[in-house]
Every structure is written in structure tokens, then in C-alpha cells.
Amino acid sequence: MAKAFVTGGSGFIGSHIVDYLREAGHEITVIDYHCKPHRSDVKYEDVDLLDFASVLEATKGAEHIFHIAAVSNVNYAYKYPVYCVDLNIKGTANVLEAARVNNAKRVYFASTVWVYNSSKAPEPITEDSPFYTPEAGHIYTSSKIAAEMLFHNYAQLYKLPFTIFRYGIPYGPRMREELLIPIFLKKAFNKEPLTITGEGEQYRNFIYVTDLAKAHVMAMSDKGANQVYNLEGPEKITIRRVAESIQNLFGKDKVQVQFLPARPGDFGGKTASNEKILRELGWKPTTSFEQGLSTTVDFFQAKWGVKGIA
């Protein structure tokens, strides 16, 4: 059993990572700002990651630190670029420095496949594919690239081990309601049209959140040290297909789809390979999009008190 600390552990992805770490028998401390954990059998530290002294104090005794907290909503990052840079880069530096001072065994980082927006490598893109920074395209993307660089710096200069995960687009129960699928579901329940930016051909390899969470526990093995892993979903899902899948659930005569101008800096989609983490750790996603969407719909029906989708 290890002492595992999870920044952002009260959020969507972090809370599922907490569940799997707890199931594996680890002692958990959630670090989050004014947001308590969803379960009572974990410790909680109410900490602003931009306050280094508080981060240092809160992570005393940490063996494994899962750094999940970030500005992850790209629309929010676009609207508040300075705060995005502060939290995603300075906040990460504070976590790394606290881990170094407190002699943590390893720090794990939630990065994103958006970093491949700046890659000119052929697809499927691997973890070793180089970036072309002039085409990073978004403040959010650049903040994650910069944060990844800090992890390599701390490993090289201070011998602090790391594991970096480049997430596909997670979905599932407890999603933030400002994310695509809950936005579409709320519109559908309210009989409002589903709006798509551009032509809807931008795609994501959506990954069900429990598949993603399992990878974090598996990566705690020695094989996962100082590695970067893609965590992609099993297939390409266009934004148009997401809308049409929900439309099919509700009935085409009850839910309409509308198209809007493309969003600045949007990640059109590139295929990233999961081969490395399959080869080294034996991980692969097992939940199909249809299965995951059905469970997600059930979750929000219960949360919003909706009796049916017809």
C-alpha cells in the first residue's frame, strides 16, 4: 500500500482515479481547491496549487502524486489565457518542487493528445513524435507542452521520476456539464438543437473514464517510471457522430442538429497509438463508445431527474 496524493481528485477524471487507487488498497489524500472529494474514506487538503507553501505542506509524506488538476476546458483557457498559464504551468512547477522537497517517489501528469496538434509526424502518432511549436494552435496546448517539459527537467536535474499520460477525450459519469456530451444531452432533454462548430468532421478518440483511470494504477509499476503514454479510445468518433448517436437515442424527429462557424485553435484530431502502453503495461481500452454513451446517459438522467429519453 502506498500513500497516493491526487491533485484535482474531486473532479471528473481525478475522482475516478481516486476510486481505482482506493480499490487497489492505497491510502489516498485528495488535494483540491474548495471542492471536497466524492467519497468519505479519503483524506482531503483544501489547497490552491498557486500557493507553493500550502502545496509543500499538503504533500508531506506523499509517495506517489497524481497531478490531475488543471484548466482543462479549452473554452475557459481561450477566455482566460493568463490564468490557464498560471495554473497549468506554475501550478505544475509547484507540485514538482513540492514533490522534490518532500522526496516523493514519483509524480504522474495528466497531459493531452492536443499536444499532437503541433506534430507533423505521420499517423498513428507515437509518444516519440516531435512537436512543431508554431502550430501548437491553442494556449491550452502550449501550457501542456510546457508542463511536460518541466517533468523532463525535474527528472534530469533532480532525479525525480515521472509518468506522463496523454489523454484522449475522456467521457463518462461525473463529467463536467460544460463538456461536449453533457451539453448535447442537456440540449436533447430540453428539445433544443445540437450545435456543431465547423462541419463536425473533427474527431476524437473518446476514452471511457474508467478505462483511463485503470491505466494510472497499472503505471505505478517500475516499468512505468520516466515514461510517456498515450491513453486513446478504441476508435475515431467525429463530433457529428456524437450528435447523431444522441439524435438516434432521442429520435431524429425530436432532436435537430445545427452547424456553427469553426472554433479558433480547435484540435481537428489526429490518431495517436496506444501500442507502447499495451506492450509495456498490458493496458488497452475495452469500453466501446456505444456502451460508454449509454452509461453516461443513464448517469445524467438520474442526476437531472429525467424520467425518460423518448
Protein backbone atom coordinates (compact mmCIF):
# COMPACT_ATOMS: atom_id res chain seq x y z
CA MET A 1 0.00 0.00 0.00
CA ALA A 2 1.32 3.42 -0.98
CA LYS A 3 0.46 6.95 0.09
CA ALA A 4 -1.06 8.40 -3.08
CA PHE A 5 -2.00 12.07 -3.41
CA VAL A 6 -4.29 13.26 -6.21
CA THR A 7 -4.49 16.93 -7.20
CA GLY A 8 -7.88 17.65 -8.68
CA GLY A 9 -9.10 14.44 -7.02
CA SER A 10 -12.60 15.85 -6.56
CA GLY A 11 -13.05 16.44 -10.28
CA PHE A 12 -14.31 14.24 -13.08
CA ILE A 13 -11.17 12.32 -14.02
CA GLY A 14 -9.46 12.67 -10.64
CA SER A 15 -12.39 11.18 -8.75
CA HIS A 16 -12.32 8.03 -10.89
CA ILE A 17 -8.56 7.73 -10.40
CA VAL A 18 -9.19 8.01 -6.65
CA ASP A 19 -11.73 5.17 -6.91
CA TYR A 20 -9.26 2.83 -8.61
CA LEU A 21 -6.37 3.76 -6.34
CA ARG A 22 -8.58 3.11 -3.32
CA GLU A 23 -9.77 -0.18 -4.78
CA ALA A 24 -6.11 -1.18 -5.18
CA GLY A 25 -5.64 -0.60 -1.45
CA HIS A 26 -3.70 2.67 -1.45
CA GLU A 27 -4.02 5.39 1.17
CA ILE A 28 -5.45 8.45 -0.60
CA THR A 29 -5.21 12.19 0.00
CA VAL A 30 -7.19 14.44 -2.34
CA ILE A 31 -5.79 17.92 -2.97
CA ASP A 32 -8.40 20.24 -4.40
CA TYR A 33 -9.45 23.86 -4.01
CA HIS A 34 -12.78 24.42 -2.25
CA CYS A 35 -14.11 21.12 -3.58
CA LYS A 36 -14.45 18.10 -1.29
CA PRO A 37 -14.00 14.51 -2.51
CA HIS A 38 -16.98 12.42 -3.56
CA ARG A 39 -16.16 9.73 -1.01
CA SER A 40 -15.53 9.82 2.75
CA ASP A 41 -12.76 7.21 3.09
CA VAL A 42 -10.02 9.52 1.79
CA LYS A 43 -8.19 12.46 3.32
CA TYR A 44 -8.72 15.97 1.96
CA GLU A 45 -6.48 19.03 1.70
CA ASP A 46 -8.14 22.29 0.58
CA VAL A 47 -5.23 23.85 -1.33
CA ASP A 48 -4.70 26.39 -4.09
CA LEU A 49 -1.92 25.00 -6.31
CA LEU A 50 -0.65 28.52 -6.95
CA ASP A 51 0.24 28.82 -3.24
CA PHE A 52 3.54 26.94 -3.06
CA ALA A 53 3.83 26.94 0.73
CA SER A 54 0.42 25.28 1.00
CA VAL A 55 1.26 22.72 -1.68
CA LEU A 56 4.52 21.90 0.10
CA GLU A 57 2.75 21.38 3.41
CA ALA A 58 -0.13 19.39 1.92
CA THR A 59 2.15 16.90 0.15
CA LYS A 60 4.29 15.95 3.14
CA GLY A 61 4.58 12.17 3.26
CA ALA A 62 3.42 11.73 -0.34
CA GLU A 63 4.93 8.76 -2.16
CA HIS A 64 3.02 8.97 -5.43
CA ILE A 65 1.48 12.26 -6.61
CA PHE A 66 -1.07 12.18 -9.41
CA HIS A 67 -1.23 15.72 -10.80
CA ILE A 68 -4.62 15.92 -12.50
CA ALA A 69 -5.71 19.47 -11.57
CA ALA A 70 -5.60 21.99 -14.43
CA VAL A 71 -7.54 24.38 -16.56
CA SER A 72 -8.83 21.70 -18.92
CA ASN A 73 -11.81 23.43 -20.52
CA VAL A 74 -10.36 24.84 -23.73
CA ASN A 75 -13.07 27.50 -23.98
CA TYR A 76 -12.17 28.73 -20.49
CA ALA A 77 -8.47 28.66 -21.42
CA TYR A 78 -9.24 30.73 -24.51
CA LYS A 79 -11.17 33.28 -22.43
CA TYR A 80 -8.67 33.41 -19.54
CA PRO A 81 -5.24 32.66 -21.05
CA VAL A 82 -3.15 34.12 -18.21
CA TYR A 83 -4.91 32.05 -15.55
CA CYS A 84 -4.55 28.96 -17.78
CA VAL A 85 -0.80 29.55 -18.00
CA ASP A 86 -0.55 30.20 -14.25
CA LEU A 87 -2.37 27.07 -13.15
CA ASN A 88 -1.17 24.68 -15.84
CA ILE A 89 2.49 25.73 -15.76
CA LYS A 90 3.21 27.46 -12.45
CA GLY A 91 0.85 25.11 -10.60
CA THR A 92 2.67 22.17 -12.13
CA ALA A 93 6.04 23.63 -11.14
CA ASN A 94 4.78 24.00 -7.56
CA VAL A 95 3.70 20.35 -7.47
CA LEU A 96 7.04 19.18 -8.87
CA GLU A 97 9.06 21.29 -6.45
CA ALA A 98 6.97 20.10 -3.51
CA ALA A 99 7.48 16.51 -4.65
CA ARG A 100 11.24 17.09 -4.87
CA VAL A 101 11.50 18.69 -1.43
CA ASN A 102 9.26 16.07 0.16
CA ASN A 103 11.13 13.18 -1.51
CA ALA A 104 8.15 11.72 -3.35
CA LYS A 105 8.83 8.54 -5.28
CA ARG A 106 7.10 9.64 -8.49
CA VAL A 107 4.80 12.27 -9.99
CA TYR A 108 2.18 11.40 -12.63
CA PHE A 109 0.86 14.01 -15.03
CA ALA A 110 -2.38 14.43 -16.96
CA SER A 111 -1.35 15.74 -20.37
CA THR A 112 -3.38 15.52 -23.57
CA VAL A 113 -3.34 14.36 -27.17
CA TRP A 114 -3.91 18.02 -28.04
CA VAL A 115 -0.11 18.32 -27.93
CA TYR A 116 -0.07 16.44 -31.23
CA ASN A 117 -1.79 19.38 -32.89
CA SER A 118 1.78 20.69 -33.23
CA SER A 119 3.22 17.48 -34.67
CA LYS A 120 3.93 16.90 -38.35
CA ALA A 121 4.72 13.22 -37.81
CA PRO A 122 2.80 10.59 -39.81
CA GLU A 123 -0.12 8.89 -38.11
CA PRO A 124 -0.58 6.98 -35.93
CA ILE A 125 1.48 9.34 -33.80
CA THR A 126 3.70 7.83 -31.11
CA GLU A 127 5.00 9.27 -27.87
CA ASP A 128 8.35 9.98 -29.55
CA SER A 129 6.87 12.11 -32.34
CA PRO A 130 8.39 15.62 -32.36
CA PHE A 131 6.34 18.79 -31.91
CA TYR A 132 6.28 21.77 -34.25
CA THR A 133 5.56 24.55 -31.78
CA PRO A 134 4.48 27.30 -34.25
CA GLU A 135 1.37 25.21 -34.89
CA ALA A 136 0.51 24.38 -31.28
CA GLY A 137 -2.64 26.37 -32.01
CA HIS A 138 -4.01 26.99 -28.50
CA ILE A 139 -2.98 28.37 -25.12
CA TYR A 140 -4.20 25.13 -23.55
CA THR A 141 -1.98 23.04 -25.86
CA SER A 142 1.08 25.18 -25.22
CA SER A 143 0.54 25.05 -21.46
CA LYS A 144 0.54 21.25 -21.53
CA ILE A 145 3.65 21.07 -23.73
CA ALA A 146 5.46 23.44 -21.36
CA ALA A 147 4.34 21.44 -18.32
CA GLU A 148 5.61 18.21 -19.90
CA MET A 149 8.98 19.87 -20.39
CA LEU A 150 9.13 20.65 -16.67
CA PHE A 151 8.69 16.97 -15.84
CA HIS A 152 11.66 16.07 -18.01
CA ASN A 153 13.69 18.91 -16.44
CA TYR A 154 12.97 17.68 -12.91
CA ALA A 155 13.90 14.14 -13.89
CA GLN A 156 17.17 15.25 -15.49
CA LEU A 157 18.22 17.85 -12.92
CA TYR A 158 16.81 16.45 -9.68
CA LYS A 159 16.26 12.73 -10.43
CA LEU A 160 12.52 13.00 -9.74
CA PRO A 161 10.77 10.12 -11.56
CA PHE A 162 7.63 10.84 -13.58
CA THR A 163 4.95 9.26 -15.73
CA ILE A 164 3.14 11.40 -18.31
CA PHE A 165 -0.24 10.39 -19.73
CA ARG A 166 -1.53 11.99 -22.92
CA TYR A 167 -5.27 11.60 -22.65
CA GLY A 168 -7.69 11.21 -25.46
CA ILE A 169 -11.03 12.88 -24.71
CA PRO A 170 -12.44 11.27 -21.54
CA TYR A 171 -16.18 10.88 -21.03
CA GLY A 172 -18.47 9.08 -18.62
CA PRO A 173 -20.28 9.55 -15.28
CA ARG A 174 -19.36 12.71 -13.32
CA MET A 175 -18.34 14.59 -16.46
CA ARG A 176 -18.37 18.35 -16.06
CA GLU A 177 -21.58 19.64 -17.53
CA GLU A 178 -19.77 22.14 -19.76
CA LEU A 179 -18.18 19.29 -21.76
CA LEU A 180 -19.48 18.23 -25.16
CA ILE A 181 -21.54 15.14 -24.35
CA PRO A 182 -23.39 16.60 -21.33
CA ILE A 183 -24.01 19.81 -23.31
CA PHE A 184 -25.56 17.77 -26.11
CA LEU A 185 -27.58 15.66 -23.65
CA LYS A 186 -28.96 18.69 -21.84
CA LYS A 187 -29.98 20.24 -25.15
CA ALA A 188 -31.62 16.98 -26.19
CA PHE A 189 -33.55 16.67 -22.93
CA ASN A 190 -34.69 20.27 -23.38
CA LYS A 191 -35.62 19.62 -27.04
CA GLU A 192 -33.05 22.17 -28.23
CA PRO A 193 -30.89 21.71 -31.36
CA LEU A 194 -27.39 20.24 -31.00
CA THR A 195 -24.85 22.78 -32.29
CA ILE A 196 -21.60 21.75 -34.02
CA THR A 197 -18.68 24.05 -34.83
CA GLY A 198 -17.40 23.70 -38.37
CA GLU A 199 -18.60 20.71 -40.36
CA GLY A 200 -18.38 18.28 -37.46
CA GLU A 201 -15.65 16.18 -39.06
CA GLN A 202 -13.14 16.99 -36.31
CA TYR A 203 -12.78 13.75 -34.40
CA ARG A 204 -11.69 12.45 -31.04
CA ASN A 205 -10.75 9.01 -29.83
CA PHE A 206 -13.13 9.30 -26.89
CA ILE A 207 -11.98 7.20 -23.95
CA TYR A 208 -14.31 5.97 -21.24
CA VAL A 209 -13.17 7.35 -17.91
CA THR A 210 -12.85 4.05 -16.05
CA ASP A 211 -10.60 2.65 -18.79
CA LEU A 212 -8.42 5.73 -18.37
CA ALA A 213 -8.36 5.50 -14.57
CA LYS A 214 -7.20 1.88 -14.61
CA ALA A 215 -4.09 2.88 -16.58
CA HIS A 216 -2.91 5.11 -13.72
CA VAL A 217 -2.86 2.25 -11.25
CA MET A 218 -1.11 -0.05 -13.73
CA ALA A 219 1.55 2.62 -14.42
CA MET A 220 2.64 2.59 -10.77
CA SER A 221 4.80 -0.43 -11.60
CA ASP A 222 8.52 0.11 -12.08
CA LYS A 223 8.05 -0.23 -15.85
CA GLY A 224 6.04 3.00 -15.89
CA ALA A 225 8.78 5.19 -14.44
CA ASN A 226 10.05 8.02 -16.67
CA GLN A 227 7.68 7.08 -19.48
CA VAL A 228 5.14 8.92 -21.62
CA TYR A 229 1.99 7.04 -22.60
CA ASN A 230 -0.87 7.77 -24.95
CA LEU A 231 -4.28 6.88 -23.49
CA GLU A 232 -6.58 6.92 -26.50
CA GLY A 233 -10.01 5.48 -27.03
CA PRO A 234 -10.58 2.47 -29.29
CA GLU A 235 -11.87 4.30 -32.40
CA LYS A 236 -12.27 7.65 -34.13
CA ILE A 237 -15.52 9.39 -33.20
CA THR A 238 -16.41 12.55 -35.11
CA ILE A 239 -18.32 15.32 -33.39
CA ARG A 240 -21.02 14.76 -35.98
CA ARG A 241 -21.26 11.10 -34.90
CA VAL A 242 -21.63 12.12 -31.24
CA ALA A 243 -24.55 14.35 -32.20
CA GLU A 244 -26.10 11.72 -34.45
CA SER A 245 -25.72 8.99 -31.79
CA ILE A 246 -27.63 11.15 -29.30
CA GLN A 247 -30.12 12.07 -32.01
CA ASN A 248 -30.73 8.36 -32.62
CA LEU A 249 -31.32 7.75 -28.92
CA PHE A 250 -33.90 10.51 -28.66
CA GLY A 251 -35.39 10.24 -32.14
CA LYS A 252 -34.44 12.29 -35.21
CA ASP A 253 -37.83 13.97 -35.20
CA LYS A 254 -37.23 15.28 -31.64
CA VAL A 255 -33.60 16.45 -31.81
CA GLN A 256 -32.17 18.66 -34.56
CA VAL A 257 -28.51 19.36 -35.42
CA GLN A 258 -27.22 22.85 -36.34
CA PHE A 259 -23.78 23.91 -37.60
CA LEU A 260 -21.83 26.99 -36.43
CA PRO A 261 -18.51 28.60 -37.53
CA ALA A 262 -15.33 26.74 -36.57
CA ARG A 263 -13.77 27.48 -33.15
CA PRO A 264 -10.34 29.24 -33.09
CA GLY A 265 -7.45 26.85 -32.43
CA ASP A 266 -9.64 23.79 -32.28
CA PHE A 267 -7.91 20.39 -32.35
CA GLY A 268 -9.09 18.74 -35.55
CA GLY A 269 -7.98 15.33 -34.43
CA LYS A 270 -5.02 13.04 -35.04
CA THR A 271 -4.65 9.35 -34.38
CA ALA A 272 -2.27 8.52 -31.54
CA SER A 273 -1.01 5.00 -30.97
CA ASN A 274 -1.66 3.05 -27.76
CA GLU A 275 0.88 0.40 -28.76
CA LYS A 276 3.52 1.44 -26.24
CA ILE A 277 1.36 1.16 -23.11
CA LEU A 278 -0.16 -2.09 -24.40
CA ARG A 279 3.32 -3.53 -24.92
CA GLU A 280 4.82 -2.30 -21.65
CA LEU A 281 1.91 -2.44 -19.20
CA GLY A 282 -0.74 -4.54 -20.91
CA TRP A 283 -3.32 -1.72 -20.92
CA LYS A 284 -5.92 -1.17 -23.61
CA PRO A 285 -9.38 0.44 -23.63
CA THR A 286 -12.24 -2.06 -23.50
CA THR A 287 -15.37 0.11 -23.47
CA SER A 288 -17.00 0.88 -26.83
CA PHE A 289 -18.39 4.35 -27.46
CA GLU A 290 -21.94 3.00 -27.55
CA GLN A 291 -21.51 1.27 -24.18
CA GLY A 292 -19.95 4.32 -22.58
CA LEU A 293 -22.51 6.72 -24.02
CA SER A 294 -25.37 4.59 -22.72
CA THR A 295 -23.92 4.58 -19.18
CA THR A 296 -23.30 8.33 -19.40
CA VAL A 297 -26.88 8.98 -20.47
CA ASP A 298 -28.13 6.87 -17.52
CA PHE A 299 -25.96 8.88 -15.12
CA PHE A 300 -27.26 12.25 -16.29
CA GLN A 301 -30.85 11.05 -16.43
CA ALA A 302 -30.56 10.16 -12.75
CA LYS A 303 -28.66 13.34 -11.85
CA TRP A 304 -31.13 15.63 -13.59
CA GLY A 305 -34.21 13.66 -12.57
CA VAL A 306 -35.27 12.95 -16.15
CA LYS A 307 -37.68 10.00 -16.40
CA GLY A 308 -37.11 9.01 -19.99
CA ILE A 309 -35.46 9.97 -23.27
CA ALA A 310 -38.40 9.41 -25.56
